[in-house]
């Protein structure tokens, strides 16, 4: 199965609604590598790396997010695979 890495910028009501913790839980359960962090502009940025169908599934899940989130846009960018395995929150 082809591996891929995608950096996403998620916009909308995504800070202060547990979006990072939700993303970490979802990505870890899917076995993805990467990270998630808040950006100063109010968006959330994440890097998802793993089998292409699993990464696509995770990006699809990001449109819904946790209950209090309201996603208005997800921007995707090709990325390099992270240096370490596992998924975590960056501060």
PDB file of N, CA and C in Angstrom:
ATOM      1  N   UNK A   1       0.843  -1.173   0.000  1.00  0.00           N
ATOM      2  CA  UNK A   1       0.000   0.000   0.000  1.00  0.00           C
ATOM      3  C   UNK A   1       0.891   1.240   0.000  1.00  0.00           C
ATOM      4  N   UNK A   2       0.543   2.222  -0.832  1.00  0.00           N
ATOM      5  CA  UNK A   2       1.342   3.439  -0.964  1.00  0.00           C
ATOM      6  C   UNK A   2       1.268   4.286   0.301  1.00  0.00           C
ATOM      7  N   UNK A   3       2.410   4.799   0.697  1.00  0.00           N
ATOM      8  CA  UNK A   3       2.498   5.691   1.853  1.00  0.00           C
ATOM      9  C   UNK A   3       2.458   7.133   1.373  1.00  0.00           C
ATOM     10  N   UNK A   4       1.900   8.009   2.191  1.00  0.00           N
ATOM     11  CA  UNK A   4       1.849   9.424   1.860  1.00  0.00           C
ATOM     12  C   UNK A   4       1.976  10.252   3.126  1.00  0.00           C
ATOM     13  N   UNK A   5       2.283  11.521   2.953  1.00  0.00           N
ATOM     14  CA  UNK A   5       2.305  12.480   4.064  1.00  0.00           C
ATOM     15  C   UNK A   5       1.639  13.760   3.577  1.00  0.00           C
ATOM     16  N   UNK A   6       0.712  14.262   4.368  1.00  0.00           N
ATOM     17  CA  UNK A   6      -0.042  15.457   4.009  1.00  0.00           C
ATOM     18  C   UNK A   6      -0.086  16.386   5.211  1.00  0.00           C
ATOM     19  N   UNK A   7       0.243  17.661   4.974  1.00  0.00           N
ATOM     20  CA  UNK A   7       0.087  18.696   6.006  1.00  0.00           C
ATOM     21  C   UNK A   7      -1.234  19.399   5.715  1.00  0.00           C
ATOM     22  N   UNK A   8      -2.059  19.541   6.735  1.00  0.00           N
ATOM     23  CA  UNK A   8      -3.348  20.205   6.563  1.00  0.00           C
ATOM     24  C   UNK A   8      -3.451  21.415   7.471  1.00  0.00           C
ATOM     25  N   UNK A   9      -4.175  22.421   6.988  1.00  0.00           N
ATOM     26  CA  UNK A   9      -4.511  23.593   7.784  1.00  0.00           C
ATOM     27  C   UNK A   9      -6.032  23.599   7.879  1.00  0.00           C
ATOM     28  N   UNK A  10      -6.528  23.514   9.108  1.00  0.00           N
ATOM     29  CA  UNK A  10      -7.954  23.380   9.363  1.00  0.00           C
ATOM     30  C   UNK A  10      -8.455  24.704   9.934  1.00  0.00           C
ATOM     31  N   UNK A  11      -9.450  25.287   9.255  1.00  0.00           N
ATOM     32  CA  UNK A  11      -9.968  26.590   9.674  1.00  0.00           C
ATOM     33  C   UNK A  11     -11.424  26.480  10.117  1.00  0.00           C
ATOM     34  N   UNK A  12     -11.825  27.436  10.924  1.00  0.00           N
ATOM     35  CA  UNK A  12     -13.177  27.488  11.457  1.00  0.00           C
ATOM     36  C   UNK A  12     -13.092  27.649  12.964  1.00  0.00           C
ATOM     37  N   UNK A  13     -14.079  27.128  13.678  1.00  0.00           N
ATOM     38  CA  UNK A  13     -14.027  27.143  15.142  1.00  0.00           C
ATOM     39  C   UNK A  13     -13.322  25.863  15.564  1.00  0.00           C
ATOM     40  N   UNK A  14     -11.987  25.950  15.636  1.00  0.00           N
ATOM     41  CA  UNK A  14     -11.178  24.749  15.890  1.00  0.00           C
ATOM     42  C   UNK A  14     -10.204  24.908  17.055  1.00  0.00           C
ATOM     43  N   UNK A  15     -10.128  26.086  17.641  1.00  0.00           N
ATOM     44  CA  UNK A  15      -9.312  26.257  18.838  1.00  0.00           C
ATOM     45  C   UNK A  15     -10.236  26.461  20.028  1.00  0.00           C
ATOM     46  N   UNK A  16      -9.845  25.894  21.167  1.00  0.00           N
ATOM     47  CA  UNK A  16     -10.651  26.011  22.373  1.00  0.00           C
ATOM     48  C   UNK A  16     -11.819  25.033  22.403  1.00  0.00           C
ATOM     49  N   UNK A  17     -11.797  24.031  21.516  1.00  0.00           N
ATOM     50  CA  UNK A  17     -12.884  23.042  21.447  1.00  0.00           C
ATOM     51  C   UNK A  17     -12.341  21.613  21.522  1.00  0.00           C
ATOM     52  N   UNK A  18     -11.111  21.456  22.013  1.00  0.00           N
ATOM     53  CA  UNK A  18     -10.456  20.146  22.150  1.00  0.00           C
ATOM     54  C   UNK A  18     -10.108  19.507  20.807  1.00  0.00           C
ATOM     55  N   UNK A  19      -9.921  20.325  19.783  1.00  0.00           N
ATOM     56  CA  UNK A  19      -9.632  19.788  18.453  1.00  0.00           C
ATOM     57  C   UNK A  19      -8.293  19.048  18.418  1.00  0.00           C
ATOM     58  N   UNK A  20      -7.268  19.591  19.059  1.00  0.00           N
ATOM     59  CA  UNK A  20      -5.962  18.920  19.048  1.00  0.00           C
ATOM     60  C   UNK A  20      -6.025  17.564  19.729  1.00  0.00           C
ATOM     61  N   UNK A  21      -6.638  17.494  20.896  1.00  0.00           N
ATOM     62  CA  UNK A  21      -6.737  16.215  21.623  1.00  0.00           C
ATOM     63  C   UNK A  21      -7.549  15.208  20.816  1.00  0.00           C
ATOM     64  N   UNK A  22      -8.627  15.661  20.208  1.00  0.00           N
ATOM     65  CA  UNK A  22      -9.455  14.788  19.376  1.00  0.00           C
ATOM     66  C   UNK A  22      -8.639  14.253  18.193  1.00  0.00           C
ATOM     67  N   UNK A  23      -7.885  15.140  17.556  1.00  0.00           N
ATOM     68  CA  UNK A  23      -7.065  14.742  16.402  1.00  0.00           C
ATOM     69  C   UNK A  23      -6.001  13.737  16.818  1.00  0.00           C
ATOM     70  N   UNK A  24      -5.347  13.985  17.951  1.00  0.00           N
ATOM     71  CA  UNK A  24      -4.327  13.056  18.437  1.00  0.00           C
ATOM     72  C   UNK A  24      -4.930  11.667  18.677  1.00  0.00           C
ATOM     73  N   UNK A  25      -6.097  11.613  19.290  1.00  0.00           N
ATOM     74  CA  UNK A  25      -6.745  10.335  19.571  1.00  0.00           C
ATOM     75  C   UNK A  25      -7.114   9.614  18.279  1.00  0.00           C
ATOM     76  N   UNK A  26      -7.731  10.318  17.351  1.00  0.00           N
ATOM     77  CA  UNK A  26      -8.151   9.710  16.087  1.00  0.00           C
ATOM     78  C   UNK A  26      -6.949   9.188  15.293  1.00  0.00           C
ATOM     79  N   UNK A  27      -5.930  10.032  15.137  1.00  0.00           N
ATOM     80  CA  UNK A  27      -4.752   9.658  14.342  1.00  0.00           C
ATOM     81  C   UNK A  27      -3.993   8.505  14.983  1.00  0.00           C
ATOM     82  N   UNK A  28      -3.897   8.515  16.311  1.00  0.00           N
ATOM     83  CA  UNK A  28      -3.212   7.421  17.009  1.00  0.00           C
ATOM     84  C   UNK A  28      -3.965   6.112  16.825  1.00  0.00           C
ATOM     85  N   UNK A  29      -5.298   6.150  16.936  1.00  0.00           N
ATOM     86  CA  UNK A  29      -6.100   4.939  16.746  1.00  0.00           C
ATOM     87  C   UNK A  29      -5.955   4.387  15.330  1.00  0.00           C
ATOM     88  N   UNK A  30      -5.753   5.281  14.351  1.00  0.00           N
ATOM     89  CA  UNK A  30      -5.569   4.848  12.961  1.00  0.00           C
ATOM     90  C   UNK A  30      -4.139   4.400  12.669  1.00  0.00           C
ATOM     91  N   UNK A  31      -3.224   4.613  13.618  1.00  0.00           N
ATOM     92  CA  UNK A  31      -1.833   4.209  13.435  1.00  0.00           C
ATOM     93  C   UNK A  31      -1.017   5.155  12.580  1.00  0.00           C
ATOM     94  N   UNK A  32      -1.446   6.423  12.496  1.00  0.00           N
ATOM     95  CA  UNK A  32      -0.720   7.402  11.692  1.00  0.00           C
ATOM     96  C   UNK A  32       0.444   7.998  12.464  1.00  0.00           C
ATOM     97  N   UNK A  33       1.427   8.474  11.733  1.00  0.00           N
ATOM     98  CA  UNK A  33       2.526   9.242  12.293  1.00  0.00           C
ATOM     99  C   UNK A  33       2.244  10.711  12.024  1.00  0.00           C
ATOM    100  N   UNK A  34       2.832  11.590  12.855  1.00  0.00           N
ATOM    101  CA  UNK A  34       2.699  13.022  12.615  1.00  0.00           C
ATOM    102  C   UNK A  34       2.449  13.809  13.875  1.00  0.00           C
ATOM    103  N   UNK A  35       1.815  14.951  13.698  1.00  0.00           N
ATOM    104  CA  UNK A  35       1.596  15.879  14.804  1.00  0.00           C
ATOM    105  C   UNK A  35       0.426  16.803  14.504  1.00  0.00           C
ATOM    106  N   UNK A  36      -0.035  17.509  15.547  1.00  0.00           N
ATOM    107  CA  UNK A  36      -1.077  18.523  15.430  1.00  0.00           C
ATOM    108  C   UNK A  36      -0.707  19.677  16.347  1.00  0.00           C
ATOM    109  N   UNK A  37      -1.023  20.910  15.925  1.00  0.00           N
ATOM    110  CA  UNK A  37      -0.731  22.085  16.756  1.00  0.00           C
ATOM    111  C   UNK A  37      -1.687  23.224  16.404  1.00  0.00           C
ATOM    112  N   UNK A  38      -1.869  24.133  17.363  1.00  0.00           N
ATOM    113  CA  UNK A  38      -2.601  25.368  17.110  1.00  0.00           C
ATOM    114  C   UNK A  38      -1.682  26.336  16.391  1.00  0.00           C
ATOM    115  N   UNK A  39      -2.244  27.140  15.507  1.00  0.00           N
ATOM    116  CA  UNK A  39      -1.498  28.187  14.819  1.00  0.00           C
ATOM    117  C   UNK A  39      -1.937  29.543  15.362  1.00  0.00           C
ATOM    118  N   UNK A  40      -1.040  30.534  15.318  1.00  0.00           N
ATOM    119  CA  UNK A  40      -1.378  31.856  15.854  1.00  0.00           C
ATOM    120  C   UNK A  40      -2.594  32.509  15.178  1.00  0.00           C
ATOM    121  N   UNK A  41      -2.897  32.120  13.941  1.00  0.00           N
ATOM    122  CA  UNK A  41      -4.017  32.737  13.224  1.00  0.00           C
ATOM    123  C   UNK A  41      -5.374  32.128  13.587  1.00  0.00           C
ATOM    124  N   UNK A  42      -5.409  31.188  14.537  1.00  0.00           N
ATOM    125  CA  UNK A  42      -6.660  30.578  14.966  1.00  0.00           C
ATOM    126  C   UNK A  42      -6.981  29.261  14.287  1.00  0.00           C
ATOM    127  N   UNK A  43      -6.153  28.859  13.336  1.00  0.00           N
ATOM    128  CA  UNK A  43      -6.352  27.572  12.673  1.00  0.00           C
ATOM    129  C   UNK A  43      -5.622  26.475  13.444  1.00  0.00           C
ATOM    130  N   UNK A  44      -5.840  25.247  13.025  1.00  0.00           N
ATOM    131  CA  UNK A  44      -5.106  24.098  13.542  1.00  0.00           C
ATOM    132  C   UNK A  44      -4.351  23.495  12.370  1.00  0.00           C
ATOM    133  N   UNK A  45      -3.090  23.168  12.594  1.00  0.00           N
ATOM    134  CA  UNK A  45      -2.248  22.575  11.558  1.00  0.00           C
ATOM    135  C   UNK A  45      -1.886  21.155  11.990  1.00  0.00           C
ATOM    136  N   UNK A  46      -1.878  20.232  11.031  1.00  0.00           N
ATOM    137  CA  UNK A  46      -1.535  18.847  11.354  1.00  0.00           C
ATOM    138  C   UNK A  46      -0.763  18.219  10.206  1.00  0.00           C
ATOM    139  N   UNK A  47       0.046  17.231  10.542  1.00  0.00           N
ATOM    140  CA  UNK A  47       0.756  16.424   9.562  1.00  0.00           C
ATOM    141  C   UNK A  47       0.332  14.979   9.786  1.00  0.00           C
ATOM    142  N   UNK A  48      -0.207  14.368   8.740  1.00  0.00           N
ATOM    143  CA  UNK A  48      -0.632  12.975   8.789  1.00  0.00           C
ATOM    144  C   UNK A  48       0.221  12.173   7.827  1.00  0.00           C
ATOM    145  N   UNK A  49       0.820  11.091   8.303  1.00  0.00           N
ATOM    146  CA  UNK A  49       1.650  10.244   7.449  1.00  0.00           C
ATOM    147  C   UNK A  49       1.292   8.783   7.690  1.00  0.00           C
ATOM    148  N   UNK A  50       1.178   8.036   6.588  1.00  0.00           N
ATOM    149  CA  UNK A  50       0.843   6.623   6.670  1.00  0.00           C
ATOM    150  C   UNK A  50       0.277   6.145   5.351  1.00  0.00           C
ATOM    151  N   UNK A  51      -0.384   5.004   5.350  1.00  0.00           N
ATOM    152  CA  UNK A  51      -0.987   4.495   4.115  1.00  0.00           C
ATOM    153  C   UNK A  51      -1.988   5.523   3.557  1.00  0.00           C
ATOM    154  N   UNK A  52      -1.943   5.735   2.261  1.00  0.00           N
ATOM    155  CA  UNK A  52      -2.763   6.777   1.645  1.00  0.00           C
ATOM    156  C   UNK A  52      -4.253   6.691   1.987  1.00  0.00           C
ATOM    157  N   UNK A  53      -4.886   5.509   1.950  1.00  0.00           N
ATOM    158  CA  UNK A  53      -6.318   5.467   2.291  1.00  0.00           C
ATOM    159  C   UNK A  53      -6.599   5.863   3.742  1.00  0.00           C
ATOM    160  N   UNK A  54      -5.670   5.565   4.630  1.00  0.00           N
ATOM    161  CA  UNK A  54      -5.856   5.906   6.048  1.00  0.00           C
ATOM    162  C   UNK A  54      -5.698   7.415   6.242  1.00  0.00           C
ATOM    163  N   UNK A  55      -4.727   8.017   5.565  1.00  0.00           N
ATOM    164  CA  UNK A  55      -4.551   9.471   5.631  1.00  0.00           C
ATOM    165  C   UNK A  55      -5.797  10.159   5.086  1.00  0.00           C
ATOM    166  N   UNK A  56      -6.341   9.672   3.971  1.00  0.00           N
ATOM    167  CA  UNK A  56      -7.554  10.255   3.374  1.00  0.00           C
ATOM    168  C   UNK A  56      -8.729  10.129   4.357  1.00  0.00           C
ATOM    169  N   UNK A  57      -8.822   8.987   5.041  1.00  0.00           N
ATOM    170  CA  UNK A  57      -9.875   8.788   6.039  1.00  0.00           C
ATOM    171  C   UNK A  57      -9.739   9.810   7.157  1.00  0.00           C
ATOM    172  N   UNK A  58      -8.520  10.035   7.631  1.00  0.00           N
ATOM    173  CA  UNK A  58      -8.298  10.990   8.713  1.00  0.00           C
ATOM    174  C   UNK A  58      -8.678  12.398   8.279  1.00  0.00           C
ATOM    175  N   UNK A  59      -8.312  12.785   7.085  1.00  0.00           N
ATOM    176  CA  UNK A  59      -8.668  14.122   6.599  1.00  0.00           C
ATOM    177  C   UNK A  59     -10.190  14.253   6.526  1.00  0.00           C
ATOM    178  N   UNK A  60     -10.859  13.205   6.094  1.00  0.00           N
ATOM    179  CA  UNK A  60     -12.321  13.216   6.081  1.00  0.00           C
ATOM    180  C   UNK A  60     -12.902  13.394   7.476  1.00  0.00           C
ATOM    181  N   UNK A  61     -12.321  12.726   8.455  1.00  0.00           N
ATOM    182  CA  UNK A  61     -12.777  12.868   9.845  1.00  0.00           C
ATOM    183  C   UNK A  61     -12.579  14.287  10.353  1.00  0.00           C
ATOM    184  N   UNK A  62     -11.512  14.944   9.871  1.00  0.00           N
ATOM    185  CA  UNK A  62     -11.212  16.306  10.325  1.00  0.00           C
ATOM    186  C   UNK A  62     -12.317  17.291   9.960  1.00  0.00           C
ATOM    187  N   UNK A  63     -13.069  17.014   8.918  1.00  0.00           N
ATOM    188  CA  UNK A  63     -14.176  17.899   8.550  1.00  0.00           C
ATOM    189  C   UNK A  63     -15.234  17.946   9.646  1.00  0.00           C
ATOM    190  N   UNK A  64     -15.391  16.859  10.389  1.00  0.00           N
ATOM    191  CA  UNK A  64     -16.377  16.827  11.472  1.00  0.00           C
ATOM    192  C   UNK A  64     -15.744  17.290  12.776  1.00  0.00           C
ATOM    193  N   UNK A  65     -14.626  16.686  13.165  1.00  0.00           N
ATOM    194  CA  UNK A  65     -13.936  17.065  14.392  1.00  0.00           C
ATOM    195  C   UNK A  65     -14.748  16.744  15.633  1.00  0.00           C
ATOM    196  N   UNK A  66     -14.330  17.285  16.785  1.00  0.00           N
ATOM    197  CA  UNK A  66     -15.081  17.068  18.020  1.00  0.00           C
ATOM    198  C   UNK A  66     -16.409  17.830  17.969  1.00  0.00           C
ATOM    199  N   UNK A  67     -17.290  17.521  18.908  1.00  0.00           N
ATOM    200  CA  UNK A  67     -18.651  18.066  18.883  1.00  0.00           C
ATOM    201  C   UNK A  67     -18.725  19.592  18.793  1.00  0.00           C
ATOM    202  N   UNK A  68     -17.885  20.314  19.526  1.00  0.00           N
ATOM    203  CA  UNK A  68     -17.976  21.777  19.565  1.00  0.00           C
ATOM    204  C   UNK A  68     -17.302  22.456  18.376  1.00  0.00           C
ATOM    205  N   UNK A  69     -16.603  21.716  17.550  1.00  0.00           N
ATOM    206  CA  UNK A  69     -15.899  22.304  16.408  1.00  0.00           C
ATOM    207  C   UNK A  69     -16.857  22.596  15.256  1.00  0.00           C
ATOM    208  N   UNK A  70     -16.473  23.579  14.457  1.00  0.00           N
ATOM    209  CA  UNK A  70     -17.197  23.885  13.222  1.00  0.00           C
ATOM    210  C   UNK A  70     -16.145  24.212  12.168  1.00  0.00           C
ATOM    211  N   UNK A  71     -15.839  23.234  11.326  1.00  0.00           N
ATOM    212  CA  UNK A  71     -14.789  23.382  10.319  1.00  0.00           C
ATOM    213  C   UNK A  71     -15.355  24.053   9.082  1.00  0.00           C
ATOM    214  N   UNK A  72     -14.662  25.095   8.610  1.00  0.00           N
ATOM    215  CA  UNK A  72     -15.099  25.804   7.411  1.00  0.00           C
ATOM    216  C   UNK A  72     -14.225  25.501   6.199  1.00  0.00           C
ATOM    217  N   UNK A  73     -12.977  25.069   6.434  1.00  0.00           N
ATOM    218  CA  UNK A  73     -12.069  24.816   5.314  1.00  0.00           C
ATOM    219  C   UNK A  73     -10.917  23.931   5.775  1.00  0.00           C
ATOM    220  N   UNK A  74     -10.469  23.067   4.884  1.00  0.00           N
ATOM    221  CA  UNK A  74      -9.250  22.290   5.110  1.00  0.00           C
ATOM    222  C   UNK A  74      -8.379  22.437   3.875  1.00  0.00           C
ATOM    223  N   UNK A  75      -7.209  22.975   4.084  1.00  0.00           N
ATOM    224  CA  UNK A  75      -6.228  23.179   3.017  1.00  0.00           C
ATOM    225  C   UNK A  75      -5.202  22.053   3.112  1.00  0.00           C
ATOM    226  N   UNK A  76      -4.882  21.412   1.990  1.00  0.00           N
ATOM    227  CA  UNK A  76      -3.947  20.282   1.987  1.00  0.00           C
ATOM    228  C   UNK A  76      -2.665  20.630   1.243  1.00  0.00           C
ATOM    229  N   UNK A  77      -1.538  20.144   1.773  1.00  0.00           N
ATOM    230  CA  UNK A  77      -0.229  20.354   1.154  1.00  0.00           C
ATOM    231  C   UNK A  77       0.572  19.051   1.236  1.00  0.00           C
ATOM    232  N   UNK A  78       1.264  18.708   0.176  1.00  0.00           N
ATOM    233  CA  UNK A  78       2.170  17.557   0.222  1.00  0.00           C
ATOM    234  C   UNK A  78       3.252  17.854   1.258  1.00  0.00           C
ATOM    235  N   UNK A  79       3.722  16.830   1.933  1.00  0.00           N
ATOM    236  CA  UNK A  79       4.707  17.025   3.006  1.00  0.00           C
ATOM    237  C   UNK A  79       5.689  15.865   3.032  1.00  0.00           C
ATOM    238  N   UNK A  80       6.789  16.073   3.744  1.00  0.00           N
ATOM    239  CA  UNK A  80       7.749  15.012   4.002  1.00  0.00           C
ATOM    240  C   UNK A  80       7.260  14.218   5.209  1.00  0.00           C
ATOM    241  N   UNK A  81       7.642  12.952   5.265  1.00  0.00           N
ATOM    242  CA  UNK A  81       7.288  12.127   6.418  1.00  0.00           C
ATOM    243  C   UNK A  81       7.996  12.664   7.658  1.00  0.00           C
ATOM    244  N   UNK A  82       7.347  12.580   8.817  1.00  0.00           N
ATOM    245  CA  UNK A  82       7.974  13.072  10.047  1.00  0.00           C
ATOM    246  C   UNK A  82       9.209  12.244  10.400  1.00  0.00           C
ATOM    247  N   UNK A  83      10.076  12.846  11.206  1.00  0.00           N
ATOM    248  CA  UNK A  83      11.324  12.193  11.610  1.00  0.00           C
ATOM    249  C   UNK A  83      11.117  11.056  12.599  1.00  0.00           C
ATOM    250  N   UNK A  84       9.995  11.070  13.328  1.00  0.00           N
ATOM    251  CA  UNK A  84       9.773  10.021  14.324  1.00  0.00           C
ATOM    252  C   UNK A  84       8.400   9.400  14.152  1.00  0.00           C
ATOM    253  N   UNK A  85       8.283   8.187  14.676  1.00  0.00           N
ATOM    254  CA  UNK A  85       7.021   7.457  14.585  1.00  0.00           C
ATOM    255  C   UNK A  85       6.082   7.899  15.692  1.00  0.00           C
ATOM    256  N   UNK A  86       4.795   7.644  15.469  1.00  0.00           N
ATOM    257  CA  UNK A  86       3.785   8.000  16.456  1.00  0.00           C
ATOM    258  C   UNK A  86       3.160   9.332  16.123  1.00  0.00           C
ATOM    259  N   UNK A  87       2.137   9.678  16.876  1.00  0.00           N
ATOM    260  CA  UNK A  87       1.418  10.919  16.654  1.00  0.00           C
ATOM    261  C   UNK A  87       1.315  11.683  17.959  1.00  0.00           C
ATOM    262  N   UNK A  88       1.557  13.003  17.922  1.00  0.00           N
ATOM    263  CA  UNK A  88       1.518  13.787  19.145  1.00  0.00           C
ATOM    264  C   UNK A  88       1.092  15.209  18.925  1.00  0.00           C
ATOM    265  N   UNK A  89       0.843  15.893  20.027  1.00  0.00           N
ATOM    266  CA  UNK A  89       0.486  17.307  20.016  1.00  0.00           C
ATOM    267  C   UNK A  89       1.759  18.117  20.141  1.00  0.00           C
ATOM    268  N   UNK A  90       1.876  19.133  19.300  1.00  0.00           N
ATOM    269  CA  UNK A  90       2.981  20.094  19.413  1.00  0.00           C
ATOM    270  C   UNK A  90       2.440  21.365  20.035  1.00  0.00           C
ATOM    271  N   UNK A  91       3.264  21.990  20.891  1.00  0.00           N
ATOM    272  CA  UNK A  91       2.839  23.222  21.560  1.00  0.00           C
ATOM    273  C   UNK A  91       3.640  24.387  21.083  1.00  0.00           C
TER     274      UNK A  91
END
